[in-house]
Amino acid sequence: MAQEVSVYLFLGFLESGKTKFIQETLEDERMNSGERTLLLICEEGLEEYAPDNFNVSNCAVVTLESEAELNQENLKALTRKYRAQRVIVEYNGTWLLEQFFEAMPESWVINQMMTFFDSATFLNYNANMRQLVFDKINMTQMVVFNRFKGEYSKEEFHKVVRGISRRPDIVYEYVGGKAEMDDIVDPLPFDVNAPVIEISDKDFAWFYRDMAENGENYIGKTVRFKGMAAVSKKVPKDFIVLGRHIMTCCEADVAYDGFAVDTRGLIKDIKTRDWLYVTAKISYAYNDIYRAEGPVFTAEKLESAQPPEEFVVTYY
């Protein structure tokens, strides 16, 4: 079997601070663990690397000149050529992450993912290039806002990140070098400790995502929400899918997402696109709807409902 190659992925737009951070990282003596390192540069900004200052004994620096070079065959060849045991990637801010994941050799394993933004341009990028901003935050472990200033609103930056993902840590790096971790509390818009967790129409996307990220918090609890039914002869008897159309980034990615609901035969002849209120207890078990283990909602009450005012829900 091929030896695993640890991958450290640094995301962000031009002049966001990626190069400076990677340079300082490779100058750190703790990086000199003897691993053969490949620094893969996918874009070139104003700041250049100074390899002579790296504190890594075996480090090859390779620049991909075009998106066409980001393919599995080429990355495999580079891994073999430099016998890389560790890969550090400065990724191009205009390339989608899906392209990188498709090009990754099987032996590459992502160890860390960090995203950098220039605070002065971040909100403008988010307003005008939402898909690219979403792409760089959605799966990252940390978001760093470089060149942050006291007059900027942390709440505004925080809101954008949390509208995309609740996972990453957020760091504000001020002009002058001072850094602060984001400590803004992010309460959910519903009470997970209530006897019956009430999910309003507008909060279904938050509930769906929190179930995906923190499902263990809901096992054994009772919830009530409205959803649109989807039925199929392929699902188990008395089961339906109940969910909503969710927009995570932009109109192009609107998708129907829902949960497996055991209706217990409480309503007969449910049809696809019927709107229902369900009050159900949540458990986790294998279900053919997911073709895997997932949340199963056992209905205690099922009622017909009117469609909501907003057909599509979103996180922000």
C-alpha atoms as a PDB file:
ATOM      1  CA  MET A   1       0.000   0.000   0.000  1.00  0.00           C
ATOM      2  CA  ALA A   2       1.144   3.544  -0.745  1.00  0.00           C
ATOM      3  CA  GLN A   3       2.455   5.482   2.243  1.00  0.00           C
ATOM      4  CA  GLU A   4       0.032   8.107   3.531  1.00  0.00           C
ATOM      5  CA  VAL A   5       0.968  11.672   2.640  1.00  0.00           C
ATOM      6  CA  SER A   6      -0.181  14.384   5.071  1.00  0.00           C
ATOM      7  CA  VAL A   7      -1.722  17.375   3.308  1.00  0.00           C
ATOM      8  CA  TYR A   8      -1.933  20.880   4.769  1.00  0.00           C
ATOM      9  CA  LEU A   9      -4.323  22.988   2.714  1.00  0.00           C
ATOM     10  CA  PHE A  10      -4.284  26.789   2.875  1.00  0.00           C
ATOM     11  CA  LEU A  11      -7.195  28.584   1.225  1.00  0.00           C
ATOM     12  CA  GLY A  12      -8.029  32.188   0.430  1.00  0.00           C
ATOM     13  CA  PHE A  13      -7.858  34.859  -2.236  1.00  0.00           C
ATOM     14  CA  LEU A  14      -4.776  36.701  -3.502  1.00  0.00           C
ATOM     15  CA  GLU A  15      -3.076  38.884  -0.878  1.00  0.00           C
ATOM     16  CA  SER A  16      -5.036  37.297   1.964  1.00  0.00           C
ATOM     17  CA  GLY A  17      -1.915  36.333   3.921  1.00  0.00           C
ATOM     18  CA  LYS A  18      -1.466  32.693   2.885  1.00  0.00           C
ATOM     19  CA  THR A  19       2.124  33.083   1.639  1.00  0.00           C
ATOM     20  CA  LYS A  20       3.297  34.917   4.759  1.00  0.00           C
ATOM     21  CA  PHE A  21       1.754  32.319   7.041  1.00  0.00           C
ATOM     22  CA  ILE A  22       3.225  29.374   5.112  1.00  0.00           C
ATOM     23  CA  GLN A  23       6.663  31.050   5.011  1.00  0.00           C
ATOM     24  CA  GLU A  24       6.616  31.544   8.777  1.00  0.00           C
ATOM     25  CA  THR A  25       5.395  27.986   9.291  1.00  0.00           C
ATOM     26  CA  LEU A  26       8.247  26.534   7.250  1.00  0.00           C
ATOM     27  CA  GLU A  27      10.723  28.706   9.157  1.00  0.00           C
ATOM     28  CA  ASP A  28       9.557  27.180  12.445  1.00  0.00           C
ATOM     29  CA  GLU A  29      12.075  24.643  13.729  1.00  0.00           C
ATOM     30  CA  ARG A  30       9.222  22.370  14.806  1.00  0.00           C
ATOM     31  CA  MET A  31       8.516  21.734  11.116  1.00  0.00           C
ATOM     32  CA  ASN A  32      11.938  20.136  10.672  1.00  0.00           C
ATOM     33  CA  SER A  33      10.800  16.644  11.594  1.00  0.00           C
ATOM     34  CA  GLY A  34      12.706  14.978   8.774  1.00  0.00           C
ATOM     35  CA  GLU A  35       9.685  14.540   6.508  1.00  0.00           C
ATOM     36  CA  ARG A  36      10.275  15.196   2.825  1.00  0.00           C
ATOM     37  CA  THR A  37       8.028  18.149   2.025  1.00  0.00           C
ATOM     38  CA  LEU A  38       6.424  19.356  -1.186  1.00  0.00           C
ATOM     39  CA  LEU A  39       5.241  22.967  -1.245  1.00  0.00           C
ATOM     40  CA  LEU A  40       2.642  23.182  -4.003  1.00  0.00           C
ATOM     41  CA  ILE A  41       1.845  26.743  -5.100  1.00  0.00           C
ATOM     42  CA  CYS A  42      -1.340  27.202  -7.127  1.00  0.00           C
ATOM     43  CA  GLU A  43      -1.159  30.985  -7.510  1.00  0.00           C
ATOM     44  CA  GLU A  44       1.512  33.675  -7.317  1.00  0.00           C
ATOM     45  CA  GLY A  45       0.878  36.966  -5.556  1.00  0.00           C
ATOM     46  CA  LEU A  46       3.090  39.935  -4.818  1.00  0.00           C
ATOM     47  CA  GLU A  47       4.788  38.232  -1.889  1.00  0.00           C
ATOM     48  CA  GLU A  48       7.342  35.588  -2.806  1.00  0.00           C
ATOM     49  CA  TYR A  49       8.707  32.662  -0.835  1.00  0.00           C
ATOM     50  CA  ALA A  50      12.242  32.677   0.571  1.00  0.00           C
ATOM     51  CA  PRO A  51      13.151  28.946   0.545  1.00  0.00           C
ATOM     52  CA  ASP A  52      16.632  29.689   1.923  1.00  0.00           C
ATOM     53  CA  ASN A  53      14.961  30.615   5.198  1.00  0.00           C
ATOM     54  CA  PHE A  54      12.938  27.402   5.480  1.00  0.00           C
ATOM     55  CA  ASN A  55      13.799  25.326   8.524  1.00  0.00           C
ATOM     56  CA  VAL A  56      12.958  22.133   6.609  1.00  0.00           C
ATOM     57  CA  SER A  57      15.819  20.019   5.328  1.00  0.00           C
ATOM     58  CA  ASN A  58      13.974  18.440   2.395  1.00  0.00           C
ATOM     59  CA  CYS A  59      11.504  20.842   0.789  1.00  0.00           C
ATOM     60  CA  ALA A  60      10.729  20.980  -2.934  1.00  0.00           C
ATOM     61  CA  VAL A  61       8.833  24.034  -4.226  1.00  0.00           C
ATOM     62  CA  VAL A  62       6.597  23.486  -7.260  1.00  0.00           C
ATOM     63  CA  THR A  63       4.250  25.995  -8.918  1.00  0.00           C
ATOM     64  CA  LEU A  64       1.260  24.855 -10.940  1.00  0.00           C
ATOM     65  CA  GLU A  65       1.072  27.251 -13.856  1.00  0.00           C
ATOM     66  CA  SER A  66      -2.530  26.441 -14.796  1.00  0.00           C
ATOM     67  CA  GLU A  67      -5.662  24.697 -13.561  1.00  0.00           C
ATOM     68  CA  ALA A  68      -5.071  21.953 -16.124  1.00  0.00           C
ATOM     69  CA  GLU A  69      -2.031  20.794 -14.115  1.00  0.00           C
ATOM     70  CA  LEU A  70      -4.272  20.077 -11.135  1.00  0.00           C
ATOM     71  CA  ASN A  71      -4.979  16.448 -11.947  1.00  0.00           C
ATOM     72  CA  GLN A  72      -4.381  13.132 -10.219  1.00  0.00           C
ATOM     73  CA  GLU A  73      -1.766  11.906 -12.674  1.00  0.00           C
ATOM     74  CA  ASN A  74       0.364  15.035 -12.231  1.00  0.00           C
ATOM     75  CA  LEU A  75       0.055  15.045  -8.423  1.00  0.00           C
ATOM     76  CA  LYS A  76       0.984  11.374  -8.266  1.00  0.00           C
ATOM     77  CA  ALA A  77       4.043  12.068 -10.441  1.00  0.00           C
ATOM     78  CA  LEU A  78       5.127  14.949  -8.178  1.00  0.00           C
ATOM     79  CA  THR A  79       4.679  12.772  -5.098  1.00  0.00           C
ATOM     80  CA  ARG A  80       6.895  10.082  -6.629  1.00  0.00           C
ATOM     81  CA  LYS A  81       9.490  12.508  -7.982  1.00  0.00           C
ATOM     82  CA  TYR A  82      10.087  14.237  -4.657  1.00  0.00           C
ATOM     83  CA  ARG A  83       9.184  11.184  -2.524  1.00  0.00           C
ATOM     84  CA  ALA A  84       6.921  13.553  -0.627  1.00  0.00           C
ATOM     85  CA  GLN A  85       5.744  12.563   2.832  1.00  0.00           C
ATOM     86  CA  ARG A  86       4.083  15.900   3.505  1.00  0.00           C
ATOM     87  CA  VAL A  87       2.393  18.326   1.080  1.00  0.00           C
ATOM     88  CA  ILE A  88       1.686  21.980   1.832  1.00  0.00           C
ATOM     89  CA  VAL A  89      -0.728  23.561  -0.654  1.00  0.00           C
ATOM     90  CA  GLU A  90      -1.276  27.263  -1.270  1.00  0.00           C
ATOM     91  CA  TYR A  91      -4.530  26.923  -3.166  1.00  0.00           C
ATOM     92  CA  ASN A  92      -5.812  29.273  -5.828  1.00  0.00           C
ATOM     93  CA  GLY A  93      -8.683  31.403  -4.530  1.00  0.00           C
ATOM     94  CA  THR A  94     -10.602  31.199  -7.820  1.00  0.00           C
ATOM     95  CA  TRP A  95     -10.465  27.383  -8.032  1.00  0.00           C
ATOM     96  CA  LEU A  96     -13.237  25.400  -6.359  1.00  0.00           C
ATOM     97  CA  LEU A  97     -12.227  22.869  -3.718  1.00  0.00           C
ATOM     98  CA  GLU A  98     -14.044  20.085  -5.541  1.00  0.00           C
ATOM     99  CA  GLN A  99     -11.356  20.251  -8.233  1.00  0.00           C
ATOM    100  CA  PHE A 100      -8.646  19.657  -5.642  1.00  0.00           C
ATOM    101  CA  PHE A 101     -10.463  16.744  -4.014  1.00  0.00           C
ATOM    102  CA  GLU A 102     -10.989  15.097  -7.401  1.00  0.00           C
ATOM    103  CA  ALA A 103      -7.274  15.500  -8.210  1.00  0.00           C
ATOM    104  CA  MET A 104      -5.969  14.192  -4.863  1.00  0.00           C
ATOM    105  CA  PRO A 105      -4.078  10.893  -5.098  1.00  0.00           C
ATOM    106  CA  GLU A 106      -5.529   8.156  -2.902  1.00  0.00           C
ATOM    107  CA  SER A 107      -2.486   8.289  -0.619  1.00  0.00           C
ATOM    108  CA  TRP A 108      -3.057  11.964   0.242  1.00  0.00           C
ATOM    109  CA  VAL A 109      -4.834  12.586   3.535  1.00  0.00           C
ATOM    110  CA  ILE A 110      -5.875  16.105   4.567  1.00  0.00           C
ATOM    111  CA  ASN A 111      -4.402  16.848   7.974  1.00  0.00           C
ATOM    112  CA  GLN A 112      -5.283  20.511   8.288  1.00  0.00           C
ATOM    113  CA  MET A 113      -7.298  23.099   6.374  1.00  0.00           C
ATOM    114  CA  MET A 114      -7.099  26.855   7.051  1.00  0.00           C
ATOM    115  CA  THR A 115      -8.701  29.792   5.247  1.00  0.00           C
ATOM    116  CA  PHE A 116      -7.363  33.356   5.125  1.00  0.00           C
ATOM    117  CA  PHE A 117      -9.152  36.562   4.183  1.00  0.00           C
ATOM    118  CA  ASP A 118      -8.048  40.181   3.918  1.00  0.00           C
ATOM    119  CA  SER A 119     -10.492  41.899   6.280  1.00  0.00           C
ATOM    120  CA  ALA A 120     -10.623  45.012   4.090  1.00  0.00           C
ATOM    121  CA  THR A 121     -12.052  43.112   1.114  1.00  0.00           C
ATOM    122  CA  PHE A 122     -13.871  40.181   2.738  1.00  0.00           C
ATOM    123  CA  LEU A 123     -17.383  41.627   2.904  1.00  0.00           C
ATOM    124  CA  ASN A 124     -17.131  42.843  -0.679  1.00  0.00           C
ATOM    125  CA  TYR A 125     -15.991  39.400  -1.850  1.00  0.00           C
ATOM    126  CA  ASN A 126     -18.867  37.814   0.058  1.00  0.00           C
ATOM    127  CA  ALA A 127     -21.385  40.152  -1.566  1.00  0.00           C
ATOM    128  CA  ASN A 128     -20.062  39.692  -5.110  1.00  0.00           C
ATOM    129  CA  MET A 129     -18.429  36.229  -5.148  1.00  0.00           C
ATOM    130  CA  ARG A 130     -20.527  34.380  -2.610  1.00  0.00           C
ATOM    131  CA  GLN A 131     -19.935  30.950  -4.146  1.00  0.00           C
ATOM    132  CA  LEU A 132     -16.143  31.250  -3.841  1.00  0.00           C
ATOM    133  CA  VAL A 133     -16.348  32.545  -0.259  1.00  0.00           C
ATOM    134  CA  PHE A 134     -18.742  29.732   0.676  1.00  0.00           C
ATOM    135  CA  ASP A 135     -16.420  27.206  -0.954  1.00  0.00           C
ATOM    136  CA  LYS A 136     -13.428  28.359   1.129  1.00  0.00           C
ATOM    137  CA  ILE A 137     -15.303  28.323   4.461  1.00  0.00           C
ATOM    138  CA  ASN A 138     -17.631  25.356   4.186  1.00  0.00           C
ATOM    139  CA  MET A 139     -15.101  22.631   5.116  1.00  0.00           C
ATOM    140  CA  THR A 140     -12.270  24.567   6.737  1.00  0.00           C
ATOM    141  CA  GLN A 141     -11.125  24.123  10.340  1.00  0.00           C
ATOM    142  CA  MET A 142     -10.102  27.747  10.894  1.00  0.00           C
ATOM    143  CA  VAL A 143     -10.892  31.131   9.339  1.00  0.00           C
ATOM    144  CA  VAL A 144      -8.296  33.887   9.816  1.00  0.00           C
ATOM    145  CA  PHE A 145      -9.236  37.496   9.135  1.00  0.00           C
ATOM    146  CA  ASN A 146      -5.937  39.270   8.452  1.00  0.00           C
ATOM    147  CA  ARG A 147      -5.295  43.013   8.797  1.00  0.00           C
ATOM    148  CA  PHE A 148      -8.325  43.414  11.051  1.00  0.00           C
ATOM    149  CA  LYS A 149      -9.014  46.896  12.426  1.00  0.00           C
ATOM    150  CA  GLY A 150     -10.800  48.073  15.529  1.00  0.00           C
ATOM    151  CA  GLU A 151     -13.489  49.872  13.552  1.00  0.00           C
ATOM    152  CA  TYR A 152     -14.581  46.648  11.841  1.00  0.00           C
ATOM    153  CA  SER A 153     -17.589  44.793  13.279  1.00  0.00           C
ATOM    154  CA  LYS A 154     -16.661  41.320  14.487  1.00  0.00           C
ATOM    155  CA  GLU A 155     -20.359  40.447  14.560  1.00  0.00           C
ATOM    156  CA  GLU A 156     -20.673  41.130  10.830  1.00  0.00           C
ATOM    157  CA  PHE A 157     -17.708  38.901   9.954  1.00  0.00           C
ATOM    158  CA  HIS A 158     -18.810  36.250  12.436  1.00  0.00           C
ATOM    159  CA  LYS A 159     -22.328  36.171  11.000  1.00  0.00           C
ATOM    160  CA  VAL A 160     -21.061  35.436   7.482  1.00  0.00           C
ATOM    161  CA  VAL A 161     -18.889  32.544   8.679  1.00  0.00           C
ATOM    162  CA  ARG A 162     -21.561  31.024  10.899  1.00  0.00           C
ATOM    163  CA  GLY A 163     -24.110  31.349   8.117  1.00  0.00           C
ATOM    164  CA  ILE A 164     -21.917  28.913   6.183  1.00  0.00           C
ATOM    165  CA  SER A 165     -20.590  26.613   8.913  1.00  0.00           C
ATOM    166  CA  ARG A 166     -20.572  26.331  12.697  1.00  0.00           C
ATOM    167  CA  ARG A 167     -17.401  24.206  12.645  1.00  0.00           C
ATOM    168  CA  PRO A 168     -14.382  26.498  12.103  1.00  0.00           C
ATOM    169  CA  ASP A 169     -12.596  28.531  14.725  1.00  0.00           C
ATOM    170  CA  ILE A 170     -12.424  32.223  13.834  1.00  0.00           C
ATOM    171  CA  VAL A 171      -9.328  34.351  14.450  1.00  0.00           C
ATOM    172  CA  TYR A 172      -9.019  38.129  14.041  1.00  0.00           C
ATOM    173  CA  GLU A 173      -5.410  39.133  13.340  1.00  0.00           C
ATOM    174  CA  TYR A 174      -5.049  42.885  13.827  1.00  0.00           C
ATOM    175  CA  VAL A 175      -2.729  45.226  12.005  1.00  0.00           C
ATOM    176  CA  GLY A 176       0.353  45.139  14.194  1.00  0.00           C
ATOM    177  CA  GLY A 177       0.235  41.403  14.903  1.00  0.00           C
ATOM    178  CA  LYS A 178      -2.207  41.068  17.804  1.00  0.00           C
ATOM    179  CA  ALA A 179      -4.546  38.089  17.367  1.00  0.00           C
ATOM    180  CA  GLU A 180      -7.882  37.365  19.061  1.00  0.00           C
ATOM    181  CA  MET A 181     -10.021  34.256  18.969  1.00  0.00           C
ATOM    182  CA  ASP A 182     -13.688  34.800  18.214  1.00  0.00           C
ATOM    183  CA  ASP A 183     -15.717  34.353  21.409  1.00  0.00           C
ATOM    184  CA  ILE A 184     -19.181  35.353  20.164  1.00  0.00           C
ATOM    185  CA  VAL A 185     -21.767  32.917  21.517  1.00  0.00           C
ATOM    186  CA  ASP A 186     -23.897  31.348  18.818  1.00  0.00           C
ATOM    187  CA  PRO A 187     -27.156  30.137  20.365  1.00  0.00           C
ATOM    188  CA  LEU A 188     -29.391  28.049  18.170  1.00  0.00           C
ATOM    189  CA  PRO A 189     -32.695  29.711  17.208  1.00  0.00           C
ATOM    190  CA  PHE A 190     -34.629  26.968  19.044  1.00  0.00           C
ATOM    191  CA  ASP A 191     -34.455  25.342  22.483  1.00  0.00           C
ATOM    192  CA  VAL A 192     -32.879  21.878  22.269  1.00  0.00           C
ATOM    193  CA  ASN A 193     -33.752  21.242  25.923  1.00  0.00           C
ATOM    194  CA  ALA A 194     -37.487  21.914  25.589  1.00  0.00           C
ATOM    195  CA  PRO A 195     -39.877  18.966  26.169  1.00  0.00           C
ATOM    196  CA  VAL A 196     -40.831  19.373  22.499  1.00  0.00           C
ATOM    197  CA  ILE A 197     -38.261  21.173  20.320  1.00  0.00           C
ATOM    198  CA  GLU A 198     -40.280  23.552  18.135  1.00  0.00           C
ATOM    199  CA  ILE A 199     -38.689  24.286  14.746  1.00  0.00           C
ATOM    200  CA  SER A 200     -40.152  27.314  12.979  1.00  0.00           C
ATOM    201  CA  ASP A 201     -40.385  27.381   9.179  1.00  0.00           C
ATOM    202  CA  LYS A 202     -37.466  29.795   8.816  1.00  0.00           C
ATOM    203  CA  ASP A 203     -35.207  27.757  11.133  1.00  0.00           C
ATOM    204  CA  PHE A 204     -35.445  24.376   9.410  1.00  0.00           C
ATOM    205  CA  ALA A 205     -32.062  24.804   7.660  1.00  0.00           C
ATOM    206  CA  TRP A 206     -30.342  25.462  11.014  1.00  0.00           C
ATOM    207  CA  PHE A 207     -32.052  22.391  12.509  1.00  0.00           C
ATOM    208  CA  TYR A 208     -31.058  20.221   9.540  1.00  0.00           C
ATOM    209  CA  ARG A 209     -27.415  21.277   9.743  1.00  0.00           C
ATOM    210  CA  ASP A 210     -27.191  20.953  13.530  1.00  0.00           C
ATOM    211  CA  MET A 211     -28.643  17.444  13.239  1.00  0.00           C
ATOM    212  CA  ALA A 212     -25.879  16.637  10.739  1.00  0.00           C
ATOM    213  CA  GLU A 213     -23.127  18.123  12.906  1.00  0.00           C
ATOM    214  CA  ASN A 214     -24.386  17.296  16.419  1.00  0.00           C
ATOM    215  CA  GLY A 215     -26.917  14.527  15.955  1.00  0.00           C
ATOM    216  CA  GLU A 216     -26.002  12.849  19.230  1.00  0.00           C
ATOM    217  CA  ASN A 217     -27.543  15.824  21.070  1.00  0.00           C
ATOM    218  CA  TYR A 218     -30.996  14.941  19.721  1.00  0.00           C
ATOM    219  CA  ILE A 219     -31.208  11.203  20.400  1.00  0.00           C
ATOM    220  CA  GLY A 220     -34.280  10.442  22.498  1.00  0.00           C
ATOM    221  CA  LYS A 221     -35.689  13.969  22.136  1.00  0.00           C
ATOM    222  CA  THR A 222     -39.024  14.994  20.669  1.00  0.00           C
ATOM    223  CA  VAL A 223     -39.258  17.581  17.897  1.00  0.00           C
ATOM    224  CA  ARG A 224     -42.023  19.269  15.923  1.00  0.00           C
ATOM    225  CA  PHE A 225     -41.528  20.757  12.463  1.00  0.00           C
ATOM    226  CA  LYS A 226     -43.252  21.298   9.133  1.00  0.00           C
ATOM    227  CA  GLY A 227     -41.939  19.681   5.984  1.00  0.00           C
ATOM    228  CA  MET A 228     -42.781  18.618   2.454  1.00  0.00           C
ATOM    229  CA  ALA A 229     -43.223  14.888   1.987  1.00  0.00           C
ATOM    230  CA  ALA A 230     -41.434  12.709  -0.540  1.00  0.00           C
ATOM    231  CA  VAL A 231     -42.679   9.161  -1.009  1.00  0.00           C
ATOM    232  CA  SER A 232     -41.337   6.202  -2.944  1.00  0.00           C
ATOM    233  CA  LYS A 233     -42.041   2.500  -3.310  1.00  0.00           C
ATOM    234  CA  LYS A 234     -38.353   1.925  -2.560  1.00  0.00           C
ATOM    235  CA  VAL A 235     -38.559   3.122   1.054  1.00  0.00           C
ATOM    236  CA  PRO A 236     -39.687   0.880   3.944  1.00  0.00           C
ATOM    237  CA  LYS A 237     -43.416   0.461   4.641  1.00  0.00           C
ATOM    238  CA  ASP A 238     -45.010   3.454   6.414  1.00  0.00           C
ATOM    239  CA  PHE A 239     -41.840   5.557   5.923  1.00  0.00           C
ATOM    240  CA  ILE A 240     -41.617   8.882   4.097  1.00  0.00           C
ATOM    241  CA  VAL A 241     -38.987  11.579   3.743  1.00  0.00           C
ATOM    242  CA  LEU A 242     -40.004  14.900   5.265  1.00  0.00           C
ATOM    243  CA  GLY A 243     -37.884  17.963   4.578  1.00  0.00           C
ATOM    244  CA  ARG A 244     -37.428  21.292   2.844  1.00  0.00           C
ATOM    245  CA  HIS A 245     -35.596  22.831  -0.098  1.00  0.00           C
ATOM    246  CA  ILE A 246     -32.422  24.381   1.328  1.00  0.00           C
ATOM    247  CA  MET A 247     -30.106  26.925  -0.281  1.00  0.00           C
ATOM    248  CA  THR A 248     -26.596  26.660   1.178  1.00  0.00           C
ATOM    249  CA  CYS A 249     -24.757  29.072  -1.099  1.00  0.00           C
ATOM    250  CA  CYS A 250     -26.679  30.374  -4.091  1.00  0.00           C
ATOM    251  CA  GLU A 251     -29.760  29.562  -6.174  1.00  0.00           C
ATOM    252  CA  ALA A 252     -27.839  27.047  -8.277  1.00  0.00           C
ATOM    253  CA  ASP A 253     -27.345  24.720  -5.304  1.00  0.00           C
ATOM    254  CA  VAL A 254     -30.899  24.579  -3.926  1.00  0.00           C
ATOM    255  CA  ALA A 255     -31.600  20.964  -2.956  1.00  0.00           C
ATOM    256  CA  TYR A 256     -34.318  19.040  -1.147  1.00  0.00           C
ATOM    257  CA  ASP A 257     -33.007  17.676   2.158  1.00  0.00           C
ATOM    258  CA  GLY A 258     -35.045  15.693   4.635  1.00  0.00           C
ATOM    259  CA  PHE A 259     -35.280  13.007   7.281  1.00  0.00           C
ATOM    260  CA  ALA A 260     -36.619   9.471   7.401  1.00  0.00           C
ATOM    261  CA  VAL A 261     -39.991   9.580   9.167  1.00  0.00           C
ATOM    262  CA  ASP A 262     -41.848   6.515  10.389  1.00  0.00           C
ATOM    263  CA  THR A 263     -45.464   7.677   9.956  1.00  0.00           C
ATOM    264  CA  ARG A 264     -46.843   4.711  11.959  1.00  0.00           C
ATOM    265  CA  GLY A 265     -49.753   4.800   9.523  1.00  0.00           C
ATOM    266  CA  LEU A 266     -51.122   7.931  11.216  1.00  0.00           C
ATOM    267  CA  ILE A 267     -52.097   9.422   7.838  1.00  0.00           C
ATOM    268  CA  LYS A 268     -52.943   7.239   4.868  1.00  0.00           C
ATOM    269  CA  ASP A 269     -52.189   7.967   1.200  1.00  0.00           C
ATOM    270  CA  ILE A 270     -49.470  10.585   1.763  1.00  0.00           C
ATOM    271  CA  LYS A 271     -48.311  11.943  -1.584  1.00  0.00           C
ATOM    272  CA  THR A 272     -45.097  13.631  -2.677  1.00  0.00           C
ATOM    273  CA  ARG A 273     -45.343  17.411  -2.120  1.00  0.00           C
ATOM    274  CA  ASP A 274     -47.902  17.072   0.674  1.00  0.00           C
ATOM    275  CA  TRP A 275     -47.096  19.460   3.521  1.00  0.00           C
ATOM    276  CA  LEU A 276     -47.227  17.943   6.998  1.00  0.00           C
ATOM    277  CA  TYR A 277     -46.550  18.838  10.616  1.00  0.00           C
ATOM    278  CA  VAL A 278     -44.813  16.023  12.462  1.00  0.00           C
ATOM    279  CA  THR A 279     -44.210  15.580  16.172  1.00  0.00           C
ATOM    280  CA  ALA A 280     -41.686  12.778  16.491  1.00  0.00           C
ATOM    281  CA  LYS A 281     -39.109  11.133  18.742  1.00  0.00           C
ATOM    282  CA  ILE A 282     -35.583  10.922  17.314  1.00  0.00           C
ATOM    283  CA  SER A 283     -33.384   7.827  17.293  1.00  0.00           C
ATOM    284  CA  TYR A 284     -30.407   6.700  15.204  1.00  0.00           C
ATOM    285  CA  ALA A 285     -30.573   3.457  13.224  1.00  0.00           C
ATOM    286  CA  TYR A 286     -29.874   1.994   9.813  1.00  0.00           C
ATOM    287  CA  ASN A 287     -32.548   2.934   7.298  1.00  0.00           C
ATOM    288  CA  ASP A 288     -32.846   2.174   3.583  1.00  0.00           C
ATOM    289  CA  ILE A 289     -33.689   5.828   2.923  1.00  0.00           C
ATOM    290  CA  TYR A 290     -30.115   6.769   3.869  1.00  0.00           C
ATOM    291  CA  ARG A 291     -28.597   3.407   2.919  1.00  0.00           C
ATOM    292  CA  ALA A 292     -26.688   3.933   6.141  1.00  0.00           C
ATOM    293  CA  GLU A 293     -27.263   4.765   9.785  1.00  0.00           C
ATOM    294  CA  GLY A 294     -29.018   8.069  10.292  1.00  0.00           C
ATOM    295  CA  PRO A 295     -31.693   9.944  12.243  1.00  0.00           C
ATOM    296  CA  VAL A 296     -35.054   8.192  12.317  1.00  0.00           C
ATOM    297  CA  PHE A 297     -38.107  10.226  13.340  1.00  0.00           C
ATOM    298  CA  THR A 298     -40.850   8.065  14.849  1.00  0.00           C
ATOM    299  CA  ALA A 299     -44.083  10.031  14.503  1.00  0.00           C
ATOM    300  CA  GLU A 300     -46.226  10.570  17.572  1.00  0.00           C
ATOM    301  CA  LYS A 301     -48.516  12.987  15.745  1.00  0.00           C
ATOM    302  CA  LEU A 302     -48.889  13.786  12.042  1.00  0.00           C
ATOM    303  CA  GLU A 303     -51.075  16.601  10.698  1.00  0.00           C
ATOM    304  CA  SER A 304     -51.767  18.136   7.304  1.00  0.00           C
ATOM    305  CA  ALA A 305     -50.308  21.639   6.940  1.00  0.00           C
ATOM    306  CA  GLN A 306     -50.339  24.652   4.655  1.00  0.00           C
ATOM    307  CA  PRO A 307     -47.173  25.415   2.616  1.00  0.00           C
ATOM    308  CA  PRO A 308     -44.866  27.971   4.276  1.00  0.00           C
ATOM    309  CA  GLU A 309     -44.528  31.517   2.982  1.00  0.00           C
ATOM    310  CA  GLU A 310     -40.940  30.850   1.882  1.00  0.00           C
ATOM    311  CA  PHE A 311     -40.534  27.683  -0.220  1.00  0.00           C
ATOM    312  CA  VAL A 312     -36.718  27.720   0.076  1.00  0.00           C
ATOM    313  CA  VAL A 313     -34.905  28.141   3.404  1.00  0.00           C
ATOM    314  CA  THR A 314     -31.303  29.151   3.983  1.00  0.00           C
ATOM    315  CA  TYR A 315     -28.709  29.460   6.760  1.00  0.00           C
ATOM    316  CA  TYR A 316     -28.302  33.222   6.597  1.00  0.00           C
END
